[in-house]
PDB file of all heavy atoms in Angstrom:
ATOM      1  N   TYR A   1      21.942  23.205 -14.002  1.00  0.00           N
ATOM      2  CA  TYR A   1      20.545  22.895 -13.386  1.00  0.00           C
ATOM      3  C   TYR A   1      19.853  21.906 -14.217  1.00  0.00           C
ATOM      4  O   TYR A   1      19.099  21.102 -13.730  1.00  0.00           O
ATOM      5  CB  TYR A   1      19.815  24.275 -13.339  1.00  0.00           C
ATOM      6  CG  TYR A   1      20.144  25.109 -12.177  1.00  0.00           C
ATOM      7  CD1 TYR A   1      20.521  26.405 -12.252  1.00  0.00           C
ATOM      8  CD2 TYR A   1      20.018  24.583 -10.835  1.00  0.00           C
ATOM      9  CE1 TYR A   1      20.781  27.180 -11.155  1.00  0.00           C
ATOM     10  CE2 TYR A   1      20.264  25.399  -9.772  1.00  0.00           C
ATOM     11  CZ  TYR A   1      20.621  26.703  -9.922  1.00  0.00           C
ATOM     12  OH  TYR A   1      21.006  27.499  -8.814  1.00  0.00           O
ATOM     13  N   ALA A   2      19.978  22.033 -15.601  1.00  0.00           N
ATOM     14  CA  ALA A   2      19.283  21.134 -16.462  1.00  0.00           C
ATOM     15  C   ALA A   2      19.815  19.689 -16.271  1.00  0.00           C
ATOM     16  O   ALA A   2      19.030  18.713 -16.290  1.00  0.00           O
ATOM     17  CB  ALA A   2      19.509  21.484 -17.917  1.00  0.00           C
ATOM     18  N   LEU A   3      21.159  19.561 -16.149  1.00  0.00           N
ATOM     19  CA  LEU A   3      21.747  18.240 -15.826  1.00  0.00           C
ATOM     20  C   LEU A   3      21.276  17.654 -14.560  1.00  0.00           C
ATOM     21  O   LEU A   3      20.882  16.469 -14.526  1.00  0.00           O
ATOM     22  CB  LEU A   3      23.225  18.383 -15.851  1.00  0.00           C
ATOM     23  CG  LEU A   3      24.075  17.095 -15.664  1.00  0.00           C
ATOM     24  CD1 LEU A   3      23.776  16.122 -16.841  1.00  0.00           C
ATOM     25  CD2 LEU A   3      25.573  17.398 -15.636  1.00  0.00           C
ATOM     26  N   LEU A   4      21.249  18.449 -13.472  1.00  0.00           N
ATOM     27  CA  LEU A   4      20.733  17.939 -12.190  1.00  0.00           C
ATOM     28  C   LEU A   4      19.293  17.547 -12.278  1.00  0.00           C
ATOM     29  O   LEU A   4      18.848  16.546 -11.684  1.00  0.00           O
ATOM     30  CB  LEU A   4      20.969  19.016 -11.125  1.00  0.00           C
ATOM     31  CG  LEU A   4      22.421  19.319 -10.854  1.00  0.00           C
ATOM     32  CD1 LEU A   4      22.484  20.534  -9.755  1.00  0.00           C
ATOM     33  CD2 LEU A   4      23.185  18.077 -10.267  1.00  0.00           C
ATOM     34  N   ALA A   5      18.415  18.383 -12.910  1.00  0.00           N
ATOM     35  CA  ALA A   5      17.054  18.087 -13.053  1.00  0.00           C
ATOM     36  C   ALA A   5      16.860  16.790 -13.865  1.00  0.00           C
ATOM     37  O   ALA A   5      15.950  15.975 -13.478  1.00  0.00           O
ATOM     38  CB  ALA A   5      16.315  19.206 -13.686  1.00  0.00           C
ATOM     39  N   ALA A   6      17.652  16.570 -14.912  1.00  0.00           N
ATOM     40  CA  ALA A   6      17.507  15.347 -15.648  1.00  0.00           C
ATOM     41  C   ALA A   6      17.822  14.145 -14.762  1.00  0.00           C
ATOM     42  O   ALA A   6      17.285  13.121 -14.929  1.00  0.00           O
ATOM     43  CB  ALA A   6      18.417  15.497 -16.898  1.00  0.00           C
ATOM     44  N   GLY A   7      18.976  14.299 -13.967  1.00  0.00           N
ATOM     45  CA  GLY A   7      19.347  13.163 -13.153  1.00  0.00           C
ATOM     46  C   GLY A   7      18.273  12.846 -12.104  1.00  0.00           C
ATOM     47  O   GLY A   7      17.975  11.745 -11.786  1.00  0.00           O
ATOM     48  N   TRP A   8      17.593  13.934 -11.549  1.00  0.00           N
ATOM     49  CA  TRP A   8      16.513  13.736 -10.621  1.00  0.00           C
ATOM     50  C   TRP A   8      15.295  13.032 -11.333  1.00  0.00           C
ATOM     51  O   TRP A   8      14.713  12.087 -10.714  1.00  0.00           O
ATOM     52  CB  TRP A   8      16.061  15.007 -10.079  1.00  0.00           C
ATOM     53  CG  TRP A   8      15.085  14.957  -8.916  1.00  0.00           C
ATOM     54  CD1 TRP A   8      14.742  13.849  -8.213  1.00  0.00           C
ATOM     55  CD2 TRP A   8      14.346  16.030  -8.352  1.00  0.00           C
ATOM     56  NE1 TRP A   8      13.768  14.076  -7.241  1.00  0.00           N
ATOM     57  CE2 TRP A   8      13.616  15.464  -7.323  1.00  0.00           C
ATOM     58  CE3 TRP A   8      14.175  17.366  -8.589  1.00  0.00           C
ATOM     59  CZ2 TRP A   8      12.677  16.305  -6.584  1.00  0.00           C
ATOM     60  CZ3 TRP A   8      13.336  18.158  -7.847  1.00  0.00           C
ATOM     61  CH2 TRP A   8      12.572  17.597  -6.815  1.00  0.00           C
ATOM     62  N   LEU A   9      14.984  13.435 -12.442  1.00  0.00           N
ATOM     63  CA  LEU A   9      13.904  12.804 -13.190  1.00  0.00           C
ATOM     64  C   LEU A   9      14.259  11.376 -13.466  1.00  0.00           C
ATOM     65  O   LEU A   9      13.317  10.413 -13.322  1.00  0.00           O
ATOM     66  CB  LEU A   9      13.626  13.584 -14.550  1.00  0.00           C
ATOM     67  CG  LEU A   9      12.437  13.012 -15.423  1.00  0.00           C
ATOM     68  CD1 LEU A   9      11.216  13.010 -14.691  1.00  0.00           C
ATOM     69  CD2 LEU A   9      12.501  13.789 -16.739  1.00  0.00           C
ATOM     70  N   ALA A  10      15.440  11.097 -13.831  1.00  0.00           N
ATOM     71  CA  ALA A  10      15.800   9.625 -14.137  1.00  0.00           C
ATOM     72  C   ALA A  10      15.699   8.748 -12.840  1.00  0.00           C
ATOM     73  O   ALA A  10      15.228   7.680 -12.897  1.00  0.00           O
ATOM     74  CB  ALA A  10      17.287   9.590 -14.670  1.00  0.00           C
ATOM     75  N   ALA A  11      16.135   9.358 -11.703  1.00  0.00           N
ATOM     76  CA  ALA A  11      16.056   8.680 -10.438  1.00  0.00           C
ATOM     77  C   ALA A  11      14.566   8.408 -10.068  1.00  0.00           C
ATOM     78  O   ALA A  11      14.235   7.297  -9.603  1.00  0.00           O
ATOM     79  CB  ALA A  11      16.697   9.460  -9.359  1.00  0.00           C
ATOM     80  N   LEU A  12      13.673   9.387 -10.280  1.00  0.00           N
ATOM     81  CA  LEU A  12      12.290   9.139 -10.038  1.00  0.00           C
ATOM     82  C   LEU A  12      11.678   8.075 -10.941  1.00  0.00           C
ATOM     83  O   LEU A  12      10.902   7.310 -10.497  1.00  0.00           O
ATOM     84  CB  LEU A  12      11.513  10.481 -10.218  1.00  0.00           C
ATOM     85  CG  LEU A  12      11.764  11.533  -9.158  1.00  0.00           C
ATOM     86  CD1 LEU A  12      11.057  12.822  -9.530  1.00  0.00           C
ATOM     87  CD2 LEU A  12      11.215  11.048  -7.779  1.00  0.00           C
ATOM     88  N   VAL A  13      12.104   8.052 -12.198  1.00  0.00           N
ATOM     89  CA  VAL A  13      11.489   6.994 -13.109  1.00  0.00           C
ATOM     90  C   VAL A  13      12.053   5.591 -12.629  1.00  0.00           C
ATOM     91  O   VAL A  13      11.225   4.632 -12.560  1.00  0.00           O
ATOM     92  CB  VAL A  13      12.071   7.302 -14.523  1.00  0.00           C
ATOM     93  CG1 VAL A  13      11.728   6.042 -15.492  1.00  0.00           C
ATOM     94  CG2 VAL A  13      11.403   8.585 -15.050  1.00  0.00           C
ATOM     95  N   LEU A  14      13.283   5.542 -12.278  1.00  0.00           N
ATOM     96  CA  LEU A  14      13.818   4.211 -11.743  1.00  0.00           C
ATOM     97  C   LEU A  14      13.171   3.881 -10.550  1.00  0.00           C
ATOM     98  O   LEU A  14      12.863   2.625 -10.209  1.00  0.00           O
ATOM     99  CB  LEU A  14      15.399   4.332 -11.621  1.00  0.00           C
ATOM    100  CG  LEU A  14      16.167   4.457 -12.857  1.00  0.00           C
ATOM    101  CD1 LEU A  14      17.602   4.779 -12.489  1.00  0.00           C
ATOM    102  CD2 LEU A  14      16.073   3.265 -13.717  1.00  0.00           C
ATOM    103  N   ALA A  15      12.840   4.774  -9.626  1.00  0.00           N
ATOM    104  CA  ALA A  15      12.194   4.516  -8.322  1.00  0.00           C
ATOM    105  C   ALA A  15      10.804   3.974  -8.606  1.00  0.00           C
ATOM    106  O   ALA A  15      10.336   3.090  -7.923  1.00  0.00           O
ATOM    107  CB  ALA A  15      12.139   5.847  -7.491  1.00  0.00           C
ATOM    108  N   VAL A  16      10.062   4.608  -9.557  1.00  0.00           N
ATOM    109  CA  VAL A  16       8.705   4.130  -9.940  1.00  0.00           C
ATOM    110  C   VAL A  16       8.794   2.690 -10.376  1.00  0.00           C
ATOM    111  O   VAL A  16       7.973   1.819 -10.030  1.00  0.00           O
ATOM    112  CB  VAL A  16       8.136   5.085 -10.956  1.00  0.00           C
ATOM    113  CG1 VAL A  16       6.754   4.432 -11.424  1.00  0.00           C
ATOM    114  CG2 VAL A  16       7.833   6.417 -10.398  1.00  0.00           C
ATOM    115  N   ARG A  17       9.737   2.400 -11.246  1.00  0.00           N
ATOM    116  CA  ARG A  17       9.874   1.000 -11.771  1.00  0.00           C
ATOM    117  C   ARG A  17      10.191   0.104 -10.646  1.00  0.00           C
ATOM    118  O   ARG A  17       9.633  -1.082 -10.606  1.00  0.00           O
ATOM    119  CB  ARG A  17      10.895   1.023 -12.813  1.00  0.00           C
ATOM    120  CG  ARG A  17      10.639   1.696 -14.099  1.00  0.00           C
ATOM    121  CD  ARG A  17      11.735   1.639 -15.116  1.00  0.00           C
ATOM    122  NE  ARG A  17      11.421   2.318 -16.389  1.00  0.00           N
ATOM    123  CZ  ARG A  17      12.228   2.456 -17.400  1.00  0.00           C
ATOM    124  NH1 ARG A  17      13.481   1.908 -17.338  1.00  0.00           N
ATOM    125  NH2 ARG A  17      11.809   3.001 -18.494  1.00  0.00           N
ATOM    126  N   ALA A  18      11.071   0.491  -9.787  1.00  0.00           N
ATOM    127  CA  ALA A  18      11.457  -0.413  -8.647  1.00  0.00           C
ATOM    128  C   ALA A  18      10.227  -0.630  -7.712  1.00  0.00           C
ATOM    129  O   ALA A  18       9.980  -1.775  -7.217  1.00  0.00           O
ATOM    130  CB  ALA A  18      12.612   0.186  -7.848  1.00  0.00           C
ATOM    131  N   LEU A  19       9.396   0.417  -7.536  1.00  0.00           N
ATOM    132  CA  LEU A  19       8.247   0.253  -6.629  1.00  0.00           C
ATOM    133  C   LEU A  19       7.232  -0.703  -7.250  1.00  0.00           C
ATOM    134  O   LEU A  19       6.602  -1.507  -6.608  1.00  0.00           O
ATOM    135  CB  LEU A  19       7.634   1.700  -6.515  1.00  0.00           C
ATOM    136  CG  LEU A  19       6.313   1.749  -5.680  1.00  0.00           C
ATOM    137  CD1 LEU A  19       6.619   1.302  -4.268  1.00  0.00           C
ATOM    138  CD2 LEU A  19       5.780   3.177  -5.625  1.00  0.00           C
ATOM    139  N   ARG A  20       7.039  -0.616  -8.590  1.00  0.00           N
ATOM    140  CA  ARG A  20       6.131  -1.509  -9.343  1.00  0.00           C
ATOM    141  C   ARG A  20       6.513  -2.934  -9.211  1.00  0.00           C
ATOM    142  O   ARG A  20       5.748  -3.802  -8.978  1.00  0.00           O
ATOM    143  CB  ARG A  20       6.051  -1.125 -10.796  1.00  0.00           C
ATOM    144  CG  ARG A  20       5.224   0.194 -10.973  1.00  0.00           C
ATOM    145  CD  ARG A  20       5.195   0.526 -12.480  1.00  0.00           C
ATOM    146  NE  ARG A  20       4.330   1.769 -12.733  1.00  0.00           N
ATOM    147  CZ  ARG A  20       4.166   2.374 -13.954  1.00  0.00           C
ATOM    148  NH1 ARG A  20       4.810   1.765 -14.995  1.00  0.00           N
ATOM    149  NH2 ARG A  20       3.463   3.354 -14.038  1.00  0.00           N
ATOM    150  N   ARG A  21       7.855  -3.126  -9.357  1.00  0.00           N
ATOM    151  CA  ARG A  21       8.362  -4.628  -9.192  1.00  0.00           C
ATOM    152  C   ARG A  21       8.155  -5.048  -7.789  1.00  0.00           C
ATOM    153  O   ARG A  21       7.818  -6.157  -7.527  1.00  0.00           O
ATOM    154  CB  ARG A  21       9.939  -4.550  -9.492  1.00  0.00           C
ATOM    155  CG  ARG A  21      10.125  -4.402 -11.018  1.00  0.00           C
ATOM    156  CD  ARG A  21      11.589  -4.814 -11.409  1.00  0.00           C
ATOM    157  NE  ARG A  21      12.535  -4.034 -10.663  1.00  0.00           N
ATOM    158  CZ  ARG A  21      13.171  -2.929 -11.182  1.00  0.00           C
ATOM    159  NH1 ARG A  21      12.728  -2.551 -12.405  1.00  0.00           N
ATOM    160  NH2 ARG A  21      14.098  -2.270 -10.534  1.00  0.00           N
ATOM    161  N   THR A  22       8.432  -4.211  -6.767  1.00  0.00           N
ATOM    162  CA  THR A  22       8.166  -4.597  -5.392  1.00  0.00           C
ATOM    163  C   THR A  22       6.696  -4.956  -5.090  1.00  0.00           C
ATOM    164  O   THR A  22       6.431  -5.965  -4.492  1.00  0.00           O
ATOM    165  CB  THR A  22       8.723  -3.503  -4.462  1.00  0.00           C
ATOM    166  OG1 THR A  22      10.034  -3.166  -4.715  1.00  0.00           O
ATOM    167  CG2 THR A  22       8.473  -3.858  -2.927  1.00  0.00           C
ATOM    168  N   ARG A  23       5.838  -4.144  -5.618  1.00  0.00           N
ATOM    169  CA  ARG A  23       4.392  -4.384  -5.403  1.00  0.00           C
ATOM    170  C   ARG A  23       3.914  -5.589  -6.103  1.00  0.00           C
ATOM    171  O   ARG A  23       3.109  -6.466  -5.681  1.00  0.00           O
ATOM    172  CB  ARG A  23       3.571  -3.144  -5.909  1.00  0.00           C
ATOM    173  CG  ARG A  23       3.671  -1.986  -4.891  1.00  0.00           C
ATOM    174  CD  ARG A  23       2.843  -0.820  -5.483  1.00  0.00           C
ATOM    175  NE  ARG A  23       2.819   0.288  -4.396  1.00  0.00           N
ATOM    176  CZ  ARG A  23       2.238   1.464  -4.610  1.00  0.00           C
ATOM    177  NH1 ARG A  23       1.616   1.612  -5.798  1.00  0.00           N
ATOM    178  NH2 ARG A  23       2.222   2.390  -3.633  1.00  0.00           N
ATOM    179  N   HIS A  24       4.523  -5.892  -7.318  1.00  0.00           N
ATOM    180  CA  HIS A  24       4.130  -7.127  -7.980  1.00  0.00           C
ATOM    181  C   HIS A  24       4.589  -8.289  -7.227  1.00  0.00           C
ATOM    182  O   HIS A  24       3.815  -9.297  -7.172  1.00  0.00           O
ATOM    183  CB  HIS A  24       4.834  -7.002  -9.404  1.00  0.00           C
ATOM    184  CG  HIS A  24       4.472  -8.257 -10.257  1.00  0.00           C
ATOM    185  ND1 HIS A  24       3.235  -8.524 -10.794  1.00  0.00           N
ATOM    186  CD2 HIS A  24       5.338  -9.295 -10.690  1.00  0.00           C
ATOM    187  CE1 HIS A  24       3.233  -9.580 -11.489  1.00  0.00           C
ATOM    188  NE2 HIS A  24       4.492 -10.101 -11.326  1.00  0.00           N
ATOM    189  N   ALA A  25       5.776  -8.277  -6.694  1.00  0.00           N
ATOM    190  CA  ALA A  25       6.317  -9.350  -5.907  1.00  0.00           C
ATOM    191  C   ALA A  25       5.431  -9.624  -4.630  1.00  0.00           C
ATOM    192  O   ALA A  25       5.199 -10.697  -4.282  1.00  0.00           O
ATOM    193  CB  ALA A  25       7.791  -9.138  -5.490  1.00  0.00           C
ATOM    194  N   ARG A  26       4.980  -8.519  -4.096  1.00  0.00           N
ATOM    195  CA  ARG A  26       4.110  -8.665  -2.871  1.00  0.00           C
ATOM    196  C   ARG A  26       2.791  -9.280  -3.228  1.00  0.00           C
ATOM    197  O   ARG A  26       2.269 -10.166  -2.570  1.00  0.00           O
ATOM    198  CB  ARG A  26       3.888  -7.271  -2.272  1.00  0.00           C
ATOM    199  CG  ARG A  26       5.014  -6.651  -1.550  1.00  0.00           C
ATOM    200  CD  ARG A  26       4.700  -5.226  -0.999  1.00  0.00           C
ATOM    201  NE  ARG A  26       5.730  -4.544  -0.415  1.00  0.00           N
ATOM    202  CZ  ARG A  26       5.637  -3.354   0.111  1.00  0.00           C
ATOM    203  NH1 ARG A  26       4.511  -2.770   0.057  1.00  0.00           N
ATOM    204  NH2 ARG A  26       6.710  -2.835   0.648  1.00  0.00           N
ATOM    205  N   ALA A  27       2.182  -8.859  -4.298  1.00  0.00           N
ATOM    206  CA  ALA A  27       0.953  -9.374  -4.805  1.00  0.00           C
ATOM    207  C   ALA A  27       1.062 -10.944  -5.005  1.00  0.00           C
ATOM    208  O   ALA A  27       0.186 -11.714  -4.735  1.00  0.00           O
ATOM    209  CB  ALA A  27       0.475  -8.734  -6.066  1.00  0.00           C
ATOM    210  N   GLU A  28       2.169 -11.294  -5.668  1.00  0.00           N
ATOM    211  CA  GLU A  28       2.377 -12.675  -5.894  1.00  0.00           C
ATOM    212  C   GLU A  28       2.543 -13.451  -4.621  1.00  0.00           C
ATOM    213  O   GLU A  28       1.979 -14.635  -4.431  1.00  0.00           O
ATOM    214  CB  GLU A  28       3.658 -12.975  -6.806  1.00  0.00           C
ATOM    215  CG  GLU A  28       3.524 -12.479  -8.196  1.00  0.00           C
ATOM    216  CD  GLU A  28       4.738 -12.783  -9.002  1.00  0.00           C
ATOM    217  OE1 GLU A  28       5.738 -13.087  -8.332  1.00  0.00           O
ATOM    218  OE2 GLU A  28       4.651 -12.683 -10.226  1.00  0.00           O
ATOM    219  N   ALA A  29       3.189 -12.932  -3.649  1.00  0.00           N
ATOM    220  CA  ALA A  29       3.420 -13.575  -2.324  1.00  0.00           C
ATOM    221  C   ALA A  29       2.036 -13.721  -1.592  1.00  0.00           C
ATOM    222  O   ALA A  29       1.712 -14.761  -1.021  1.00  0.00           O
ATOM    223  CB  ALA A  29       4.360 -12.747  -1.460  1.00  0.00           C
ATOM    224  N   VAL A  30       1.203 -12.658  -1.673  1.00  0.00           N
ATOM    225  CA  VAL A  30      -0.113 -12.675  -1.049  1.00  0.00           C
ATOM    226  C   VAL A  30      -1.012 -13.749  -1.665  1.00  0.00           C
ATOM    227  O   VAL A  30      -1.710 -14.522  -1.065  1.00  0.00           O
ATOM    228  CB  VAL A  30      -0.790 -11.312  -1.032  1.00  0.00           C
ATOM    229  CG1 VAL A  30      -2.247 -11.375  -0.638  1.00  0.00           C
ATOM    230  CG2 VAL A  30       0.024 -10.343  -0.141  1.00  0.00           C
ATOM    231  N   SER A  31      -1.024 -13.781  -3.001  1.00  0.00           N
ATOM    232  CA  SER A  31      -1.828 -14.759  -3.718  1.00  0.00           C
ATOM    233  C   SER A  31      -1.377 -16.174  -3.509  1.00  0.00           C
ATOM    234  O   SER A  31      -2.163 -17.103  -3.591  1.00  0.00           O
ATOM    235  CB  SER A  31      -1.888 -14.417  -5.203  1.00  0.00           C
ATOM    236  OG  SER A  31      -0.550 -14.546  -5.833  1.00  0.00           O
TER     237      SER A  31
END
């Protein structure tokens, strides 16, 4: 369970980073 929870947490962290990069790219496109 601890291993699976750690994997889920890592995936969420990577998803947040990817989301920030996507929003940054959108903001540059809009500007």
